[in-house]
ModelCIF file with pLDDT and N, C-alpha, C, O atoms, coordinates in Angstrom:
data_MODEL
#
_entry.id   MODEL 
#
_entity.id                         1 
_entity.type                       polymer 
_entity.pdbx_number_of_molecules   1 
#
_entity_poly.entity_id                      1 
_entity_poly.type                           'polypeptide(L)' 
_entity_poly.nstd_linkage                   no 
_entity_poly.nstd_monomer                   no 
_entity_poly.pdbx_seq_one_letter_code       WFRQAPGKEREFVAAVARSGGSTYYADSVKGRFTTFRDNVKNTVYL 
_entity_poly.pdbx_seq_one_letter_code_can   WFRQAPGKEREFVAAVARSGGSTYYADSVKGRFTTFRDNVKNTVYL 
_entity_poly.pdbx_strand_id                 A 
#
loop_
_entity_poly_seq.entity_id 
_entity_poly_seq.num 
_entity_poly_seq.mon_id 
_entity_poly_seq.hetero 
1 1  TRP n 
1 2  PHE n 
1 3  ARG n 
1 4  GLN n 
1 5  ALA n 
1 6  PRO n 
1 7  GLY n 
1 8  LYS n 
1 9  GLU n 
1 10 ARG n 
1 11 GLU n 
1 12 PHE n 
1 13 VAL n 
1 14 ALA n 
1 15 ALA n 
1 16 VAL n 
1 17 ALA n 
1 18 ARG n 
1 19 SER n 
1 20 GLY n 
1 21 GLY n 
1 22 SER n 
1 23 THR n 
1 24 TYR n 
1 25 TYR n 
1 26 ALA n 
1 27 ASP n 
1 28 SER n 
1 29 VAL n 
1 30 LYS n 
1 31 GLY n 
1 32 ARG n 
1 33 PHE n 
1 34 THR n 
1 35 THR n 
1 36 PHE n 
1 37 ARG n 
1 38 ASP n 
1 39 ASN n 
1 40 VAL n 
1 41 LYS n 
1 42 ASN n 
1 43 THR n 
1 44 VAL n 
1 45 TYR n 
1 46 LEU n 
#
_struct_asym.id          A 
_struct_asym.entity_id   1 
#
loop_
_ma_qa_metric.id 
_ma_qa_metric.mode 
_ma_qa_metric.name 
_ma_qa_metric.software_group_id 
_ma_qa_metric.type 
1 global pLDDT . pLDDT 
2 local  pLDDT . pLDDT 
#
_ma_qa_metric_global.metric_id      1 
_ma_qa_metric_global.metric_value   95.76 
_ma_qa_metric_global.model_id       1 
_ma_qa_metric_global.ordinal_id     1 
#
loop_
_ma_qa_metric_local.label_asym_id 
_ma_qa_metric_local.label_comp_id 
_ma_qa_metric_local.label_seq_id 
_ma_qa_metric_local.metric_id 
_ma_qa_metric_local.metric_value 
_ma_qa_metric_local.model_id 
_ma_qa_metric_local.ordinal_id 
A TRP 1  2 98.00 1 1  
A PHE 2  2 98.00 1 2  
A ARG 3  2 98.00 1 3  
A GLN 4  2 98.00 1 4  
A ALA 5  2 97.00 1 5  
A PRO 6  2 92.00 1 6  
A GLY 7  2 94.00 1 7  
A LYS 8  2 96.00 1 8  
A GLU 9  2 96.00 1 9  
A ARG 10 2 96.00 1 10 
A GLU 11 2 97.00 1 11 
A PHE 12 2 98.00 1 12 
A VAL 13 2 98.00 1 13 
A ALA 14 2 98.00 1 14 
A ALA 15 2 97.00 1 15 
A VAL 16 2 96.00 1 16 
A ALA 17 2 95.00 1 17 
A ARG 18 2 93.00 1 18 
A SER 19 2 89.00 1 19 
A GLY 20 2 89.00 1 20 
A GLY 21 2 88.00 1 21 
A SER 22 2 94.00 1 22 
A THR 23 2 96.00 1 23 
A TYR 24 2 97.00 1 24 
A TYR 25 2 98.00 1 25 
A ALA 26 2 98.00 1 26 
A ASP 27 2 98.00 1 27 
A SER 28 2 97.00 1 28 
A VAL 29 2 98.00 1 29 
A LYS 30 2 98.00 1 30 
A GLY 31 2 98.00 1 31 
A ARG 32 2 98.00 1 32 
A PHE 33 2 98.00 1 33 
A THR 34 2 98.00 1 34 
A THR 35 2 98.00 1 35 
A PHE 36 2 97.00 1 36 
A ARG 37 2 95.00 1 37 
A ASP 38 2 93.00 1 38 
A ASN 39 2 88.00 1 39 
A VAL 40 2 90.00 1 40 
A LYS 41 2 94.00 1 41 
A ASN 42 2 94.00 1 42 
A THR 43 2 96.00 1 43 
A VAL 44 2 97.00 1 44 
A TYR 45 2 98.00 1 45 
A LEU 46 2 98.00 1 46 
#
loop_
_atom_site.group_PDB 
_atom_site.id 
_atom_site.type_symbol 
_atom_site.label_atom_id 
_atom_site.label_alt_id 
_atom_site.label_comp_id 
_atom_site.label_asym_id 
_atom_site.label_entity_id 
_atom_site.label_seq_id 
_atom_site.pdbx_PDB_ins_code 
_atom_site.Cartn_x 
_atom_site.Cartn_y 
_atom_site.Cartn_z 
_atom_site.occupancy 
_atom_site.B_iso_or_equiv 
_atom_site.pdbx_formal_charge 
_atom_site.auth_seq_id 
_atom_site.auth_comp_id 
_atom_site.auth_asym_id 
_atom_site.auth_atom_id 
_atom_site.pdbx_PDB_model_num 
ATOM 1   N N  . TRP A 1 1  ? 33.698 -114.119 35.445 1.00 98.00 ? 1  TRP A N  1 
ATOM 2   C CA . TRP A 1 1  ? 33.054 -112.891 34.765 1.00 98.00 ? 1  TRP A CA 1 
ATOM 3   C C  . TRP A 1 1  ? 34.290 -111.679 35.022 1.00 98.00 ? 1  TRP A C  1 
ATOM 4   O O  . TRP A 1 1  ? 35.064 -111.803 35.971 1.00 98.00 ? 1  TRP A O  1 
ATOM 5   N N  . PHE A 1 2  ? 34.373 -110.611 34.157 1.00 98.00 ? 2  PHE A N  1 
ATOM 6   C CA . PHE A 1 2  ? 35.080 -109.922 33.917 1.00 98.00 ? 2  PHE A CA 1 
ATOM 7   C C  . PHE A 1 2  ? 34.471 -108.625 33.436 1.00 98.00 ? 2  PHE A C  1 
ATOM 8   O O  . PHE A 1 2  ? 33.648 -108.682 32.522 1.00 98.00 ? 2  PHE A O  1 
ATOM 9   N N  . ARG A 1 3  ? 34.822 -107.388 34.003 1.00 98.00 ? 3  ARG A N  1 
ATOM 10  C CA . ARG A 1 3  ? 34.173 -106.221 32.736 1.00 98.00 ? 3  ARG A CA 1 
ATOM 11  C C  . ARG A 1 3  ? 35.461 -105.154 32.538 1.00 98.00 ? 3  ARG A C  1 
ATOM 12  O O  . ARG A 1 3  ? 36.519 -105.173 33.167 1.00 98.00 ? 3  ARG A O  1 
ATOM 13  N N  . GLN A 1 4  ? 35.118 -104.364 31.641 1.00 98.00 ? 4  GLN A N  1 
ATOM 14  C CA . GLN A 1 4  ? 36.354 -103.296 31.342 1.00 98.00 ? 4  GLN A CA 1 
ATOM 15  C C  . GLN A 1 4  ? 35.396 -102.304 30.616 1.00 98.00 ? 4  GLN A C  1 
ATOM 16  O O  . GLN A 1 4  ? 34.909 -102.284 29.486 1.00 98.00 ? 4  GLN A O  1 
ATOM 17  N N  . ALA A 1 5  ? 35.319 -101.520 31.660 1.00 97.00 ? 5  ALA A N  1 
ATOM 18  C CA . ALA A 1 5  ? 34.767 -99.797  30.591 1.00 97.00 ? 5  ALA A CA 1 
ATOM 19  C C  . ALA A 1 5  ? 35.673 -99.085  30.271 1.00 97.00 ? 5  ALA A C  1 
ATOM 20  O O  . ALA A 1 5  ? 36.806 -99.113  30.751 1.00 97.00 ? 5  ALA A O  1 
ATOM 21  N N  . PRO A 1 6  ? 35.152 -98.159  29.174 1.00 92.00 ? 6  PRO A N  1 
ATOM 22  C CA . PRO A 1 6  ? 36.496 -97.291  28.467 1.00 92.00 ? 6  PRO A CA 1 
ATOM 23  C C  . PRO A 1 6  ? 37.109 -96.856  29.437 1.00 92.00 ? 6  PRO A C  1 
ATOM 24  O O  . PRO A 1 6  ? 36.755 -96.931  30.614 1.00 92.00 ? 6  PRO A O  1 
ATOM 25  N N  . GLY A 1 7  ? 38.076 -96.368  29.007 1.00 94.00 ? 7  GLY A N  1 
ATOM 26  C CA . GLY A 1 7  ? 39.131 -95.759  30.357 1.00 94.00 ? 7  GLY A CA 1 
ATOM 27  C C  . GLY A 1 7  ? 39.375 -96.642  31.259 1.00 94.00 ? 7  GLY A C  1 
ATOM 28  O O  . GLY A 1 7  ? 40.261 -96.082  31.905 1.00 94.00 ? 7  GLY A O  1 
ATOM 29  N N  . LYS A 1 8  ? 39.187 -97.685  31.770 1.00 96.00 ? 8  LYS A N  1 
ATOM 30  C CA . LYS A 1 8  ? 38.981 -98.580  32.981 1.00 96.00 ? 8  LYS A CA 1 
ATOM 31  C C  . LYS A 1 8  ? 39.838 -99.515  33.195 1.00 96.00 ? 8  LYS A C  1 
ATOM 32  O O  . LYS A 1 8  ? 40.618 -99.534  32.243 1.00 96.00 ? 8  LYS A O  1 
ATOM 33  N N  . GLU A 1 9  ? 40.096 -100.314 33.973 1.00 96.00 ? 9  GLU A N  1 
ATOM 34  C CA . GLU A 1 9  ? 40.916 -101.434 34.353 1.00 96.00 ? 9  GLU A CA 1 
ATOM 35  C C  . GLU A 1 9  ? 40.040 -102.572 34.032 1.00 96.00 ? 9  GLU A C  1 
ATOM 36  O O  . GLU A 1 9  ? 38.984 -102.060 33.660 1.00 96.00 ? 9  GLU A O  1 
ATOM 37  N N  . ARG A 1 10 ? 39.959 -103.564 33.994 1.00 96.00 ? 10 ARG A N  1 
ATOM 38  C CA . ARG A 1 10 ? 39.562 -105.045 33.888 1.00 96.00 ? 10 ARG A CA 1 
ATOM 39  C C  . ARG A 1 10 ? 38.949 -104.596 35.071 1.00 96.00 ? 10 ARG A C  1 
ATOM 40  O O  . ARG A 1 10 ? 39.428 -103.626 35.658 1.00 96.00 ? 10 ARG A O  1 
ATOM 41  N N  . GLU A 1 11 ? 37.832 -105.245 35.549 1.00 97.00 ? 11 GLU A N  1 
ATOM 42  C CA . GLU A 1 11 ? 37.530 -105.668 37.055 1.00 97.00 ? 11 GLU A CA 1 
ATOM 43  C C  . GLU A 1 11 ? 37.124 -106.982 37.363 1.00 97.00 ? 11 GLU A C  1 
ATOM 44  O O  . GLU A 1 11 ? 37.126 -107.768 36.416 1.00 97.00 ? 11 GLU A O  1 
ATOM 45  N N  . PHE A 1 12 ? 36.859 -107.303 38.203 1.00 98.00 ? 12 PHE A N  1 
ATOM 46  C CA . PHE A 1 12 ? 36.387 -108.871 38.818 1.00 98.00 ? 12 PHE A CA 1 
ATOM 47  C C  . PHE A 1 12 ? 34.974 -108.503 38.627 1.00 98.00 ? 12 PHE A C  1 
ATOM 48  O O  . PHE A 1 12 ? 34.615 -107.328 38.701 1.00 98.00 ? 12 PHE A O  1 
ATOM 49  N N  . VAL A 1 13 ? 34.101 -109.546 38.365 1.00 98.00 ? 13 VAL A N  1 
ATOM 50  C CA . VAL A 1 13 ? 32.632 -109.219 38.989 1.00 98.00 ? 13 VAL A CA 1 
ATOM 51  C C  . VAL A 1 13 ? 32.054 -110.192 39.223 1.00 98.00 ? 13 VAL A C  1 
ATOM 52  O O  . VAL A 1 13 ? 31.318 -109.891 40.163 1.00 98.00 ? 13 VAL A O  1 
ATOM 53  N N  . ALA A 1 14 ? 31.809 -111.794 38.828 1.00 98.00 ? 14 ALA A N  1 
ATOM 54  C CA . ALA A 1 14 ? 31.505 -112.936 39.703 1.00 98.00 ? 14 ALA A CA 1 
ATOM 55  C C  . ALA A 1 14 ? 32.728 -113.528 38.953 1.00 98.00 ? 14 ALA A C  1 
ATOM 56  O O  . ALA A 1 14 ? 33.596 -113.091 38.198 1.00 98.00 ? 14 ALA A O  1 
ATOM 57  N N  . ALA A 1 15 ? 32.306 -115.063 39.661 1.00 97.00 ? 15 ALA A N  1 
ATOM 58  C CA . ALA A 1 15 ? 33.253 -116.622 39.617 1.00 97.00 ? 15 ALA A CA 1 
ATOM 59  C C  . ALA A 1 15 ? 32.446 -117.676 40.192 1.00 97.00 ? 15 ALA A C  1 
ATOM 60  O O  . ALA A 1 15 ? 31.601 -117.646 41.087 1.00 97.00 ? 15 ALA A O  1 
ATOM 61  N N  . VAL A 1 16 ? 32.795 -118.399 39.639 1.00 96.00 ? 16 VAL A N  1 
ATOM 62  C CA . VAL A 1 16 ? 31.608 -119.897 39.986 1.00 96.00 ? 16 VAL A CA 1 
ATOM 63  C C  . VAL A 1 16 ? 33.030 -121.062 39.847 1.00 96.00 ? 16 VAL A C  1 
ATOM 64  O O  . VAL A 1 16 ? 33.743 -121.347 38.885 1.00 96.00 ? 16 VAL A O  1 
ATOM 65  N N  . ALA A 1 17 ? 33.021 -121.477 41.104 1.00 95.00 ? 17 ALA A N  1 
ATOM 66  C CA . ALA A 1 17 ? 33.847 -122.356 41.484 1.00 95.00 ? 17 ALA A CA 1 
ATOM 67  C C  . ALA A 1 17 ? 33.561 -124.194 40.335 1.00 95.00 ? 17 ALA A C  1 
ATOM 68  O O  . ALA A 1 17 ? 32.482 -124.430 39.790 1.00 95.00 ? 17 ALA A O  1 
ATOM 69  N N  . ARG A 1 18 ? 34.598 -125.016 40.264 1.00 93.00 ? 18 ARG A N  1 
ATOM 70  C CA . ARG A 1 18 ? 34.325 -125.937 39.497 1.00 93.00 ? 18 ARG A CA 1 
ATOM 71  C C  . ARG A 1 18 ? 33.138 -126.804 39.931 1.00 93.00 ? 18 ARG A C  1 
ATOM 72  O O  . ARG A 1 18 ? 32.340 -127.030 39.022 1.00 93.00 ? 18 ARG A O  1 
ATOM 73  N N  . SER A 1 19 ? 32.889 -127.264 40.962 1.00 89.00 ? 19 SER A N  1 
ATOM 74  C CA . SER A 1 19 ? 32.040 -127.584 41.805 1.00 89.00 ? 19 SER A CA 1 
ATOM 75  C C  . SER A 1 19 ? 30.515 -127.150 41.709 1.00 89.00 ? 19 SER A C  1 
ATOM 76  O O  . SER A 1 19 ? 29.505 -127.700 42.148 1.00 89.00 ? 19 SER A O  1 
ATOM 77  N N  . GLY A 1 20 ? 30.735 -125.667 40.794 1.00 89.00 ? 20 GLY A N  1 
ATOM 78  C CA . GLY A 1 20 ? 29.275 -125.306 40.920 1.00 89.00 ? 20 GLY A CA 1 
ATOM 79  C C  . GLY A 1 20 ? 28.592 -124.732 42.254 1.00 89.00 ? 20 GLY A C  1 
ATOM 80  O O  . GLY A 1 20 ? 27.501 -124.185 42.417 1.00 89.00 ? 20 GLY A O  1 
ATOM 81  N N  . GLY A 1 21 ? 29.511 -125.016 43.053 1.00 88.00 ? 21 GLY A N  1 
ATOM 82  C CA . GLY A 1 21 ? 28.666 -124.716 44.392 1.00 88.00 ? 21 GLY A CA 1 
ATOM 83  C C  . GLY A 1 21 ? 28.867 -123.581 45.442 1.00 88.00 ? 21 GLY A C  1 
ATOM 84  O O  . GLY A 1 21 ? 28.054 -123.138 46.254 1.00 88.00 ? 21 GLY A O  1 
ATOM 85  N N  . SER A 1 22 ? 30.098 -123.245 45.226 1.00 94.00 ? 22 SER A N  1 
ATOM 86  C CA . SER A 1 22 ? 30.815 -121.836 45.549 1.00 94.00 ? 22 SER A CA 1 
ATOM 87  C C  . SER A 1 22 ? 30.878 -120.883 44.676 1.00 94.00 ? 22 SER A C  1 
ATOM 88  O O  . SER A 1 22 ? 31.535 -121.171 43.675 1.00 94.00 ? 22 SER A O  1 
ATOM 89  N N  . THR A 1 23 ? 30.209 -119.357 44.722 1.00 96.00 ? 23 THR A N  1 
ATOM 90  C CA . THR A 1 23 ? 30.209 -118.487 43.649 1.00 96.00 ? 23 THR A CA 1 
ATOM 91  C C  . THR A 1 23 ? 30.786 -117.019 44.595 1.00 96.00 ? 23 THR A C  1 
ATOM 92  O O  . THR A 1 23 ? 30.797 -117.219 45.810 1.00 96.00 ? 23 THR A O  1 
ATOM 93  N N  . TYR A 1 24 ? 31.181 -115.815 44.210 1.00 97.00 ? 24 TYR A N  1 
ATOM 94  C CA . TYR A 1 24 ? 32.196 -115.193 44.462 1.00 97.00 ? 24 TYR A CA 1 
ATOM 95  C C  . TYR A 1 24 ? 31.065 -113.660 43.485 1.00 97.00 ? 24 TYR A C  1 
ATOM 96  O O  . TYR A 1 24 ? 30.551 -113.427 42.391 1.00 97.00 ? 24 TYR A O  1 
ATOM 97  N N  . TYR A 1 25 ? 31.224 -113.118 44.682 1.00 98.00 ? 25 TYR A N  1 
ATOM 98  C CA . TYR A 1 25 ? 30.570 -111.871 43.647 1.00 98.00 ? 25 TYR A CA 1 
ATOM 99  C C  . TYR A 1 25 ? 31.491 -110.387 44.161 1.00 98.00 ? 25 TYR A C  1 
ATOM 100 O O  . TYR A 1 25 ? 31.681 -110.149 45.354 1.00 98.00 ? 25 TYR A O  1 
ATOM 101 N N  . ALA A 1 26 ? 31.947 -109.569 43.154 1.00 98.00 ? 26 ALA A N  1 
ATOM 102 C CA . ALA A 1 26 ? 32.002 -108.105 43.505 1.00 98.00 ? 26 ALA A CA 1 
ATOM 103 C C  . ALA A 1 26 ? 30.775 -107.562 44.422 1.00 98.00 ? 26 ALA A C  1 
ATOM 104 O O  . ALA A 1 26 ? 29.619 -107.974 44.518 1.00 98.00 ? 26 ALA A O  1 
ATOM 105 N N  . ASP A 1 27 ? 31.519 -106.374 45.129 1.00 98.00 ? 27 ASP A N  1 
ATOM 106 C CA . ASP A 1 27 ? 30.277 -105.773 45.884 1.00 98.00 ? 27 ASP A CA 1 
ATOM 107 C C  . ASP A 1 27 ? 29.655 -105.012 45.348 1.00 98.00 ? 27 ASP A C  1 
ATOM 108 O O  . ASP A 1 27 ? 28.697 -104.560 45.975 1.00 98.00 ? 27 ASP A O  1 
ATOM 109 N N  . SER A 1 28 ? 29.936 -104.450 43.762 1.00 97.00 ? 28 SER A N  1 
ATOM 110 C CA . SER A 1 28 ? 29.528 -103.837 42.948 1.00 97.00 ? 28 SER A CA 1 
ATOM 111 C C  . SER A 1 28 ? 27.893 -104.596 42.457 1.00 97.00 ? 28 SER A C  1 
ATOM 112 O O  . SER A 1 28 ? 26.899 -103.871 42.449 1.00 97.00 ? 28 SER A O  1 
ATOM 113 N N  . VAL A 1 29 ? 27.823 -105.522 42.217 1.00 98.00 ? 29 VAL A N  1 
ATOM 114 C CA . VAL A 1 29 ? 27.237 -106.379 41.889 1.00 98.00 ? 29 VAL A CA 1 
ATOM 115 C C  . VAL A 1 29 ? 26.510 -107.503 42.753 1.00 98.00 ? 29 VAL A C  1 
ATOM 116 O O  . VAL A 1 29 ? 25.541 -108.065 42.242 1.00 98.00 ? 29 VAL A O  1 
ATOM 117 N N  . LYS A 1 30 ? 26.874 -107.819 43.883 1.00 98.00 ? 30 LYS A N  1 
ATOM 118 C CA . LYS A 1 30 ? 26.148 -108.656 44.912 1.00 98.00 ? 30 LYS A CA 1 
ATOM 119 C C  . LYS A 1 30 ? 24.604 -108.049 44.714 1.00 98.00 ? 30 LYS A C  1 
ATOM 120 O O  . LYS A 1 30 ? 24.331 -106.855 44.592 1.00 98.00 ? 30 LYS A O  1 
ATOM 121 N N  . GLY A 1 31 ? 23.888 -108.894 44.713 1.00 98.00 ? 31 GLY A N  1 
ATOM 122 C CA . GLY A 1 31 ? 22.324 -109.182 44.885 1.00 98.00 ? 31 GLY A CA 1 
ATOM 123 C C  . GLY A 1 31 ? 21.773 -109.089 43.693 1.00 98.00 ? 31 GLY A C  1 
ATOM 124 O O  . GLY A 1 31 ? 20.688 -109.640 43.511 1.00 98.00 ? 31 GLY A O  1 
ATOM 125 N N  . ARG A 1 32 ? 22.512 -108.259 42.472 1.00 98.00 ? 32 ARG A N  1 
ATOM 126 C CA . ARG A 1 32 ? 21.668 -108.116 41.122 1.00 98.00 ? 32 ARG A CA 1 
ATOM 127 C C  . ARG A 1 32 ? 22.405 -108.899 40.356 1.00 98.00 ? 32 ARG A C  1 
ATOM 128 O O  . ARG A 1 32 ? 21.701 -109.124 39.372 1.00 98.00 ? 32 ARG A O  1 
ATOM 129 N N  . PHE A 1 33 ? 23.750 -109.625 40.198 1.00 98.00 ? 33 PHE A N  1 
ATOM 130 C CA . PHE A 1 33 ? 23.890 -110.207 39.300 1.00 98.00 ? 33 PHE A CA 1 
ATOM 131 C C  . PHE A 1 33 ? 23.697 -111.678 40.381 1.00 98.00 ? 33 PHE A C  1 
ATOM 132 O O  . PHE A 1 33 ? 23.514 -111.744 41.596 1.00 98.00 ? 33 PHE A O  1 
ATOM 133 N N  . THR A 1 34 ? 23.897 -113.280 38.814 1.00 98.00 ? 34 THR A N  1 
ATOM 134 C CA . THR A 1 34 ? 23.982 -114.570 39.471 1.00 98.00 ? 34 THR A CA 1 
ATOM 135 C C  . THR A 1 34 ? 24.756 -115.168 38.642 1.00 98.00 ? 34 THR A C  1 
ATOM 136 O O  . THR A 1 34 ? 24.559 -115.063 37.431 1.00 98.00 ? 34 THR A O  1 
ATOM 137 N N  . THR A 1 35 ? 25.764 -115.894 39.144 1.00 98.00 ? 35 THR A N  1 
ATOM 138 C CA . THR A 1 35 ? 26.588 -116.578 38.076 1.00 98.00 ? 35 THR A CA 1 
ATOM 139 C C  . THR A 1 35 ? 26.332 -118.454 38.120 1.00 98.00 ? 35 THR A C  1 
ATOM 140 O O  . THR A 1 35 ? 26.172 -118.809 39.288 1.00 98.00 ? 35 THR A O  1 
ATOM 141 N N  . PHE A 1 36 ? 26.285 -119.355 37.356 1.00 97.00 ? 36 PHE A N  1 
ATOM 142 C CA . PHE A 1 36 ? 25.591 -120.168 37.503 1.00 97.00 ? 36 PHE A CA 1 
ATOM 143 C C  . PHE A 1 36 ? 26.617 -120.946 36.383 1.00 97.00 ? 36 PHE A C  1 
ATOM 144 O O  . PHE A 1 36 ? 27.157 -120.307 35.481 1.00 97.00 ? 36 PHE A O  1 
ATOM 145 N N  . ARG A 1 37 ? 26.795 -122.280 36.548 1.00 95.00 ? 37 ARG A N  1 
ATOM 146 C CA . ARG A 1 37 ? 27.126 -123.381 35.299 1.00 95.00 ? 37 ARG A CA 1 
ATOM 147 C C  . ARG A 1 37 ? 26.368 -124.494 35.247 1.00 95.00 ? 37 ARG A C  1 
ATOM 148 O O  . ARG A 1 37 ? 25.397 -124.811 35.933 1.00 95.00 ? 37 ARG A O  1 
ATOM 149 N N  . ASP A 1 38 ? 27.142 -125.296 33.983 1.00 93.00 ? 38 ASP A N  1 
ATOM 150 C CA . ASP A 1 38 ? 25.798 -125.888 33.655 1.00 93.00 ? 38 ASP A CA 1 
ATOM 151 C C  . ASP A 1 38 ? 27.036 -127.348 33.132 1.00 93.00 ? 38 ASP A C  1 
ATOM 152 O O  . ASP A 1 38 ? 26.904 -127.493 31.917 1.00 93.00 ? 38 ASP A O  1 
ATOM 153 N N  . ASN A 1 39 ? 27.792 -128.068 33.534 1.00 88.00 ? 39 ASN A N  1 
ATOM 154 C CA . ASN A 1 39 ? 28.625 -128.700 33.142 1.00 88.00 ? 39 ASN A CA 1 
ATOM 155 C C  . ASN A 1 39 ? 28.430 -129.775 31.783 1.00 88.00 ? 39 ASN A C  1 
ATOM 156 O O  . ASN A 1 39 ? 29.313 -130.120 30.998 1.00 88.00 ? 39 ASN A O  1 
ATOM 157 N N  . VAL A 1 40 ? 27.543 -130.021 31.783 1.00 90.00 ? 40 VAL A N  1 
ATOM 158 C CA . VAL A 1 40 ? 26.737 -130.773 31.428 1.00 90.00 ? 40 VAL A CA 1 
ATOM 159 C C  . VAL A 1 40 ? 26.585 -129.892 29.365 1.00 90.00 ? 40 VAL A C  1 
ATOM 160 O O  . VAL A 1 40 ? 26.946 -130.284 28.255 1.00 90.00 ? 40 VAL A O  1 
ATOM 161 N N  . LYS A 1 41 ? 26.151 -129.133 29.680 1.00 94.00 ? 41 LYS A N  1 
ATOM 162 C CA . LYS A 1 41 ? 26.365 -128.029 28.363 1.00 94.00 ? 41 LYS A CA 1 
ATOM 163 C C  . LYS A 1 41 ? 27.661 -127.347 28.277 1.00 94.00 ? 41 LYS A C  1 
ATOM 164 O O  . LYS A 1 41 ? 27.850 -126.670 27.266 1.00 94.00 ? 41 LYS A O  1 
ATOM 165 N N  . ASN A 1 42 ? 28.563 -127.406 29.144 1.00 94.00 ? 42 ASN A N  1 
ATOM 166 C CA . ASN A 1 42 ? 29.897 -126.512 28.585 1.00 94.00 ? 42 ASN A CA 1 
ATOM 167 C C  . ASN A 1 42 ? 29.493 -125.340 28.888 1.00 94.00 ? 42 ASN A C  1 
ATOM 168 O O  . ASN A 1 42 ? 29.882 -124.569 28.011 1.00 94.00 ? 42 ASN A O  1 
ATOM 169 N N  . THR A 1 43 ? 28.773 -124.681 29.869 1.00 96.00 ? 43 THR A N  1 
ATOM 170 C CA . THR A 1 43 ? 28.443 -123.057 29.257 1.00 96.00 ? 43 THR A CA 1 
ATOM 171 C C  . THR A 1 43 ? 28.392 -122.741 30.797 1.00 96.00 ? 43 THR A C  1 
ATOM 172 O O  . THR A 1 43 ? 28.157 -123.544 31.701 1.00 96.00 ? 43 THR A O  1 
ATOM 173 N N  . VAL A 1 44 ? 28.632 -121.546 30.889 1.00 97.00 ? 44 VAL A N  1 
ATOM 174 C CA . VAL A 1 44 ? 28.536 -120.854 32.487 1.00 97.00 ? 44 VAL A CA 1 
ATOM 175 C C  . VAL A 1 44 ? 27.788 -119.576 31.840 1.00 97.00 ? 44 VAL A C  1 
ATOM 176 O O  . VAL A 1 44 ? 27.961 -119.074 30.730 1.00 97.00 ? 44 VAL A O  1 
ATOM 177 N N  . TYR A 1 45 ? 26.699 -119.121 33.117 1.00 98.00 ? 45 TYR A N  1 
ATOM 178 C CA . TYR A 1 45 ? 26.143 -117.832 32.532 1.00 98.00 ? 45 TYR A CA 1 
ATOM 179 C C  . TYR A 1 45 ? 26.160 -116.889 33.330 1.00 98.00 ? 45 TYR A C  1 
ATOM 180 O O  . TYR A 1 45 ? 26.262 -117.138 34.531 1.00 98.00 ? 45 TYR A O  1 
ATOM 181 N N  . LEU A 1 46 ? 26.054 -115.408 32.817 1.00 98.00 ? 46 LEU A N  1 
ATOM 182 C CA . LEU A 1 46 ? 25.987 -114.559 33.895 1.00 98.00 ? 46 LEU A CA 1 
ATOM 183 C C  . LEU A 1 46 ? 24.444 -113.706 33.846 1.00 98.00 ? 46 LEU A C  1 
ATOM 184 O O  . LEU A 1 46 ? 24.164 -112.886 34.721 1.00 98.00 ? 46 LEU A O  1 
#
């Protein structure tokens, strides 16, 4: 997941591995945002 505000560069927000067992977060969102995936529904959530 990435985000881009007006006048700013695109920045990393969160990511999840293929396994779903490893996640990564930008410091600015850590503790507030959670990403997870459902490989059966072919959907990732933030």
